C-alpha cells in the first residue's frame, strides 16, 4: 500500500504548535507531580499536591515553538530520506530491467533488497525523530529548567521568579554563565529524548502502517468508508491510540534517564550527569532511578494520545481544507 505524502512544512508547523500546546496544558498537573517525586528534596517538601500549576507560564511559552520545531524537522528529514530511498529503489529496478543484474544474482539481490527495505523505514523514522528532538531541545531545555524549578517550589513557585533569578546572575557570571544555566541539563535531556523518540516514533509509525493496511483490507472487502482512510491516512482517534501505546512503552524504558535529567536541572550547583549518577546509585541503589515511573508512564501515555492525536487531527483538517 502506498504511503500518504508527508505533511508540508506549513502543515507540520501549525499541527506541531497545536499539539504541543494542547498536551502540555492538559497534563501539566501530572508533570508537576512527577517532577516533585523525582526532586532531591522529596515530594512533600517540594510542594506535594499543592500548586500543581506552578511553572505553567514557561510551559505555555515553550510548548508551541518546541513542538513545531520537532515536527518541521521530523517531517522534513523523513521526506528527504524517503525520497532518497525511493530513488535508489527506482535505480535498482531500472538496472534489473536492463539485465545488468542477472542469473542467480537476481534472487540474491531481491532477498537482500527485501531485508534492507524492511529496516529502511524504521531507521529513517529513528534518524528523523532524533534530529527533531535535538532541534526541539533548543526551545525545550530553557523552558524546562524554569518550569521544573517553579514546580519544585523554588523561587516562590513562579516561572517569572525562576527566570529572574537566572538572569540576575548576569553580573556575576556574564552572558556565557547565564546561557549555561538556562541550558543546564542539555546533555542529559538530549540523552533522554533521543532514545525516547527512537522508541516512540518508529513504533507509532509502524502502528499507523498496520492501521492503514487493515483499513485497506476492509475497503477491499466492502467494509471501509470515507474520511482519512480514503486519503490513505489514519484518523485522529487511531493516531491517539497508537500514540498512547508507543508513548507508554518509551516512557517506561527511559525513566532512569528522566530521573537523572530532573536531578541535574534541580541541583543548586552545576553537577555533571556522571556525578549525579554515581552519588544517587551509591546512596540509594537502583530504586530511585525508577522514581515517578507510574505518573510518568500514565502522563506520557495520555500525553501521547493527546499529542499525536491532536497532531493527526490538525494534519487531516488542513489536508481537507487546503
Protein backbone atom coordinates (compact mmCIF):
# COMPACT_ATOMS: atom_id res chain seq x y z
CA UNK A 1 0.00 0.00 0.00
CA UNK A 2 1.34 3.45 -0.95
CA UNK A 3 2.23 5.65 1.98
CA UNK A 4 0.46 9.04 2.18
CA UNK A 5 2.56 12.07 1.36
CA UNK A 6 4.41 13.67 4.26
CA UNK A 7 2.76 16.88 5.51
CA UNK A 8 4.22 20.08 4.00
CA UNK A 9 6.26 22.48 6.15
CA UNK A 10 3.37 24.83 6.98
CA UNK A 11 1.09 21.96 8.00
CA UNK A 12 3.77 20.43 10.23
CA UNK A 13 4.44 23.85 11.77
CA UNK A 14 0.80 24.56 12.63
CA UNK A 15 -0.08 21.00 13.64
CA UNK A 16 3.03 20.74 15.84
CA UNK A 17 2.21 24.01 17.58
CA UNK A 18 -1.38 22.93 18.26
CA UNK A 19 -0.27 19.50 19.50
CA UNK A 20 2.42 20.86 21.83
CA UNK A 21 0.20 23.46 23.45
CA UNK A 22 -2.72 21.06 23.85
CA UNK A 23 -0.75 18.29 25.54
CA UNK A 24 1.31 20.49 27.85
CA UNK A 25 -1.67 22.43 29.18
CA UNK A 26 -3.83 19.30 29.54
CA UNK A 27 -1.32 17.25 31.51
CA UNK A 28 0.67 19.88 33.37
CA UNK A 29 -0.53 18.78 36.87
CA UNK A 30 0.73 15.22 36.30
CA UNK A 31 4.06 16.57 35.08
CA UNK A 32 4.32 18.63 38.29
CA UNK A 33 3.68 15.59 40.49
CA UNK A 34 6.29 13.56 38.56
CA UNK A 35 8.87 16.34 38.98
CA UNK A 36 8.26 16.52 42.73
CA UNK A 37 8.57 12.75 43.11
CA UNK A 38 11.98 12.91 41.44
CA UNK A 39 13.18 16.01 43.32
CA UNK A 40 16.17 15.66 45.67
CA UNK A 41 14.15 17.45 48.42
CA UNK A 42 11.35 14.88 48.23
CA UNK A 43 7.70 15.02 47.22
CA UNK A 44 6.06 16.92 50.09
CA UNK A 45 8.91 19.40 50.76
CA UNK A 46 8.75 20.29 47.05
CA UNK A 47 5.05 21.13 47.32
CA UNK A 48 3.19 17.82 47.43
CA UNK A 49 -0.25 18.16 45.87
CA UNK A 50 -0.35 21.95 46.29
CA UNK A 51 0.05 24.39 43.42
CA UNK A 52 0.19 21.83 40.65
CA UNK A 53 0.09 24.60 38.03
CA UNK A 54 3.29 26.25 39.25
CA UNK A 55 5.52 26.92 36.26
CA UNK A 56 2.72 26.76 33.70
CA UNK A 57 3.82 30.11 32.27
CA UNK A 58 7.07 28.74 30.89
CA UNK A 59 5.23 25.70 29.51
CA UNK A 60 2.80 27.95 27.63
CA UNK A 61 5.68 29.96 26.14
CA UNK A 62 7.73 26.93 25.11
CA UNK A 63 5.12 24.37 24.06
CA UNK A 64 4.12 25.57 20.60
CA UNK A 65 7.58 26.51 19.24
CA UNK A 66 9.22 23.39 20.71
CA UNK A 67 6.70 21.00 19.16
CA UNK A 68 6.66 22.98 15.89
CA UNK A 69 10.47 22.74 15.70
CA UNK A 70 10.24 19.00 16.27
CA UNK A 71 7.60 18.20 13.65
CA UNK A 72 9.04 20.51 10.98
CA UNK A 73 12.41 18.80 11.37
CA UNK A 74 10.90 15.32 11.71
CA UNK A 75 8.66 15.53 8.65
CA UNK A 76 11.34 17.32 6.60
CA UNK A 77 14.10 14.79 7.33
CA UNK A 78 11.69 11.88 6.88
CA UNK A 79 10.70 13.26 3.46
CA UNK A 80 14.32 13.70 2.34
CA UNK A 81 15.29 10.19 3.45
CA UNK A 82 12.21 8.52 1.93
CA UNK A 83 12.77 10.30 -1.41
CA UNK A 84 16.39 9.11 -1.45
CA UNK A 85 15.27 5.55 -0.66
CA UNK A 86 12.66 5.56 -3.43
CA UNK A 87 15.20 6.96 -5.87
CA UNK A 88 17.65 4.16 -5.03
CA UNK A 89 14.85 1.62 -5.40
CA UNK A 90 13.92 3.01 -8.84
CA UNK A 91 17.56 2.95 -9.95
CA UNK A 92 17.94 -0.67 -8.81
CA UNK A 93 14.72 -1.61 -10.61
CA UNK A 94 15.93 0.10 -13.80
CA UNK A 95 19.27 -1.74 -13.65
CA UNK A 96 17.48 -5.04 -13.09
CA UNK A 97 15.19 -4.35 -16.04
CA UNK A 98 18.21 -3.72 -18.26
CA UNK A 99 19.57 -7.12 -17.25
CA UNK A 100 22.69 -5.70 -15.56
CA UNK A 101 21.94 -7.94 -12.59
CA UNK A 102 21.26 -11.41 -13.90
CA UNK A 103 21.30 -15.12 -13.22
CA UNK A 104 21.28 -16.23 -9.61
CA UNK A 105 22.26 -12.68 -8.60
CA UNK A 106 18.66 -11.55 -9.17
CA UNK A 107 17.30 -13.84 -6.47
CA UNK A 108 20.06 -12.91 -4.07
CA UNK A 109 19.60 -9.22 -4.84
CA UNK A 110 15.86 -9.39 -4.29
CA UNK A 111 16.33 -11.20 -0.97
CA UNK A 112 18.90 -8.71 0.28
CA UNK A 113 16.80 -5.79 -1.00
CA UNK A 114 13.75 -7.08 0.84
CA UNK A 115 15.70 -7.36 4.08
CA UNK A 116 17.08 -3.85 3.66
CA UNK A 117 13.67 -2.36 2.81
CA UNK A 118 12.15 -3.92 5.92
CA UNK A 119 14.58 -1.92 8.07
CA UNK A 120 14.78 1.18 5.88
CA UNK A 121 11.62 2.94 7.07
CA UNK A 122 12.14 2.36 10.83
CA UNK A 123 15.72 3.61 10.54
CA UNK A 124 14.51 6.69 8.65
CA UNK A 125 11.97 7.38 11.39
CA UNK A 126 14.64 6.95 14.08
CA UNK A 127 17.00 9.38 12.35
CA UNK A 128 14.25 11.94 11.68
CA UNK A 129 12.93 11.75 15.25
CA UNK A 130 16.43 12.10 16.72
CA UNK A 131 17.20 15.23 14.69
CA UNK A 132 13.73 16.58 15.50
CA UNK A 133 14.39 16.22 19.24
CA UNK A 134 17.76 17.97 19.01
CA UNK A 135 16.04 20.89 17.25
CA UNK A 136 13.18 20.97 19.77
CA UNK A 137 15.59 20.95 22.72
CA UNK A 138 16.84 24.38 21.64
CA UNK A 139 13.50 25.68 22.93
CA UNK A 140 12.54 22.94 25.37
CA UNK A 141 15.58 22.94 27.67
CA UNK A 142 15.41 26.59 28.88
CA UNK A 143 11.66 26.38 29.43
CA UNK A 144 12.07 23.01 31.17
CA UNK A 145 14.72 24.42 33.55
CA UNK A 146 12.45 27.33 34.52
CA UNK A 147 9.31 25.18 34.69
CA UNK A 148 10.80 22.46 36.88
CA UNK A 149 12.27 24.93 39.36
CA UNK A 150 8.86 26.55 39.73
CA UNK A 151 7.18 23.14 40.03
CA UNK A 152 9.60 22.14 42.81
CA UNK A 153 8.68 25.27 44.79
CA UNK A 154 11.90 27.16 44.14
CA UNK A 155 11.70 30.96 43.70
CA UNK A 156 8.22 31.06 45.20
CA UNK A 157 6.88 28.59 42.64
CA UNK A 158 6.91 31.29 39.94
CA UNK A 159 8.21 30.87 36.38
CA UNK A 160 8.95 34.58 36.23
CA UNK A 161 10.81 34.35 39.55
CA UNK A 162 12.91 31.42 38.32
CA UNK A 163 13.78 33.30 35.11
CA UNK A 164 14.65 36.50 37.03
CA UNK A 165 16.92 34.50 39.36
CA UNK A 166 18.84 33.10 36.39
CA UNK A 167 19.08 36.43 34.57
CA UNK A 168 20.05 38.13 37.86
CA UNK A 169 23.32 36.20 37.83
CA UNK A 170 24.48 38.09 34.74
CA UNK A 171 26.62 40.50 36.76
CA UNK A 172 28.47 37.64 38.45
CA UNK A 173 28.81 35.08 35.65
CA UNK A 174 28.27 37.08 32.46
CA UNK A 175 26.33 36.11 29.37
CA UNK A 176 28.08 32.75 29.00
CA UNK A 177 27.20 31.82 32.59
CA UNK A 178 23.53 32.75 32.15
CA UNK A 179 23.45 30.79 28.89
CA UNK A 180 24.92 27.71 30.59
CA UNK A 181 22.39 28.00 33.41
CA UNK A 182 19.44 28.24 31.00
CA UNK A 183 20.75 25.21 29.14
CA UNK A 184 21.66 23.23 32.26
CA UNK A 185 20.82 19.60 31.63
CA UNK A 186 21.04 19.97 27.82
CA UNK A 187 23.17 16.84 27.50
CA UNK A 188 21.02 14.59 29.69
CA UNK A 189 17.83 15.98 28.11
CA UNK A 190 19.07 15.04 24.65
CA UNK A 191 20.26 11.69 26.05
CA UNK A 192 16.74 11.10 27.37
CA UNK A 193 14.72 12.46 24.45
CA UNK A 194 16.63 10.79 21.61
CA UNK A 195 16.23 7.23 23.00
CA UNK A 196 12.61 8.05 23.82
CA UNK A 197 11.78 9.17 20.28
CA UNK A 198 13.84 6.35 18.75
CA UNK A 199 11.41 4.01 20.53
CA UNK A 200 8.17 6.00 20.30
CA UNK A 201 8.06 7.30 16.74
CA UNK A 202 9.06 4.16 14.79
CA UNK A 203 6.51 2.27 16.92
CA UNK A 204 3.84 4.93 16.24
CA UNK A 205 4.60 4.89 12.52
CA UNK A 206 4.55 1.07 12.45
CA UNK A 207 1.15 1.02 14.19
CA UNK A 208 -0.15 3.62 11.71
CA UNK A 209 1.09 1.50 8.80
CA UNK A 210 -0.68 -1.51 10.31
CA UNK A 211 -3.85 0.58 10.65
CA UNK A 212 -3.66 1.65 7.00
CA UNK A 213 -3.24 -1.95 5.84
CA UNK A 214 -6.16 -3.05 8.00
CA UNK A 215 -8.36 -0.28 6.56
CA UNK A 216 -7.33 -1.11 3.03
CA UNK A 217 -8.29 -4.74 3.57
CA UNK A 218 -11.63 -3.60 4.99
CA UNK A 219 -12.22 -1.33 1.99
CA UNK A 220 -11.50 -4.17 -0.42
CA UNK A 221 -13.99 -6.29 1.47
CA UNK A 222 -16.57 -3.51 1.20
CA UNK A 223 -16.37 -2.52 4.88
CA UNK A 224 -14.43 0.78 4.62
CA UNK A 225 -15.86 4.23 4.25
CA UNK A 226 -14.74 7.78 3.68
CA UNK A 227 -12.70 10.03 5.89
CA UNK A 228 -8.95 9.85 6.40
CA UNK A 229 -8.86 6.24 5.28
CA UNK A 230 -9.92 7.32 1.83
CA UNK A 231 -6.82 9.53 1.59
CA UNK A 232 -4.56 6.74 2.79
CA UNK A 233 -4.01 8.10 6.30
CA UNK A 234 -5.33 7.15 9.73
CA UNK A 235 -7.91 9.05 11.76
CA UNK A 236 -7.06 11.22 14.74
CA UNK A 237 -8.62 8.65 17.09
CA UNK A 238 -6.43 5.85 15.73
CA UNK A 239 -3.35 8.06 15.89
CA UNK A 240 -4.19 8.87 19.51
CA UNK A 241 -4.47 5.18 20.40
CA UNK A 242 -1.18 4.33 18.69
CA UNK A 243 0.47 7.36 20.30
CA UNK A 244 -0.70 6.24 23.73
CA UNK A 245 0.73 2.73 23.29
CA UNK A 246 4.07 3.87 21.87
CA UNK A 247 4.41 6.63 24.47
CA UNK A 248 3.79 4.28 27.40
CA UNK A 249 6.42 1.80 26.15
CA UNK A 250 9.02 4.52 25.56
CA UNK A 251 8.28 6.23 28.89
CA UNK A 252 8.81 3.13 30.98
CA UNK A 253 12.11 2.26 29.31
CA UNK A 254 13.58 5.77 29.59
CA UNK A 255 12.51 6.59 33.18
CA UNK A 256 16.08 6.33 34.61
CA UNK A 257 17.27 8.96 32.12
CA UNK A 258 14.35 11.20 33.11
CA UNK A 259 15.29 10.90 36.81
CA UNK A 260 18.88 11.92 36.05
CA UNK A 261 17.71 14.87 33.96
CA UNK A 262 15.43 16.11 36.75
CA UNK A 263 18.17 15.82 39.40
CA UNK A 264 20.65 17.72 37.20
CA UNK A 265 18.20 20.55 36.49
CA UNK A 266 17.11 20.94 40.13
CA UNK A 267 20.57 20.81 41.72
CA UNK A 268 21.63 24.01 43.49
CA UNK A 269 25.03 23.99 41.82
CA UNK A 270 26.09 22.67 38.43
CA UNK A 271 26.83 18.94 38.60
CA UNK A 272 27.79 16.55 35.84
CA UNK A 273 25.47 13.73 34.90
CA UNK A 274 28.13 11.21 35.91
CA UNK A 275 28.45 12.76 39.39
CA UNK A 276 24.68 12.69 39.92
CA UNK A 277 24.50 9.09 38.66
CA UNK A 278 27.32 7.93 40.92
CA UNK A 279 26.02 9.69 44.05
CA UNK A 280 22.45 8.51 43.52
CA UNK A 281 23.46 4.89 43.00
CA UNK A 282 25.93 4.90 45.91
CA UNK A 283 23.36 6.38 48.32
CA UNK A 284 20.18 4.58 47.33
CA UNK A 285 20.91 1.86 44.78
CA UNK A 286 18.71 1.22 41.75
CA UNK A 287 15.31 2.09 43.19
CA UNK A 288 15.48 5.94 42.81
CA UNK A 289 16.16 5.56 39.08
CA UNK A 290 12.54 4.44 38.69
CA UNK A 291 11.04 7.12 40.94
CA UNK A 292 7.89 8.51 39.40
CA UNK A 293 7.61 5.73 36.80
CA UNK A 294 3.87 5.37 37.46
CA UNK A 295 2.97 9.05 36.91
CA UNK A 296 5.47 9.25 34.04
CA UNK A 297 4.01 6.28 32.14
CA UNK A 298 0.46 7.44 32.85
CA UNK A 299 1.28 11.03 31.90
CA UNK A 300 3.14 10.18 28.69
CA UNK A 301 0.62 7.52 27.68
CA UNK A 302 -2.15 10.10 27.97
CA UNK A 303 0.17 12.71 26.52
CA UNK A 304 0.99 10.52 23.53
CA UNK A 305 -2.72 10.14 22.84
CA UNK A 306 -3.37 13.90 23.07
CA UNK A 307 -0.14 14.96 21.35
CA UNK A 308 -0.20 12.62 18.36
CA UNK A 309 -4.00 12.55 18.19
CA UNK A 310 -4.25 16.35 18.01
CA UNK A 311 -1.33 16.45 15.57
CA UNK A 312 -3.05 13.97 13.25
CA UNK A 313 -6.39 15.78 13.64
CA UNK A 314 -4.80 19.08 12.61
CA UNK A 315 -2.94 17.47 9.68
CA UNK A 316 -6.13 15.79 8.44
CA UNK A 317 -8.15 19.01 8.89
CA UNK A 318 -5.60 21.10 6.99
CA UNK A 319 -5.36 18.41 4.29
CA UNK A 320 -9.11 18.51 3.70
CA UNK A 321 -9.30 22.32 3.59
CA UNK A 322 -6.18 23.19 1.57
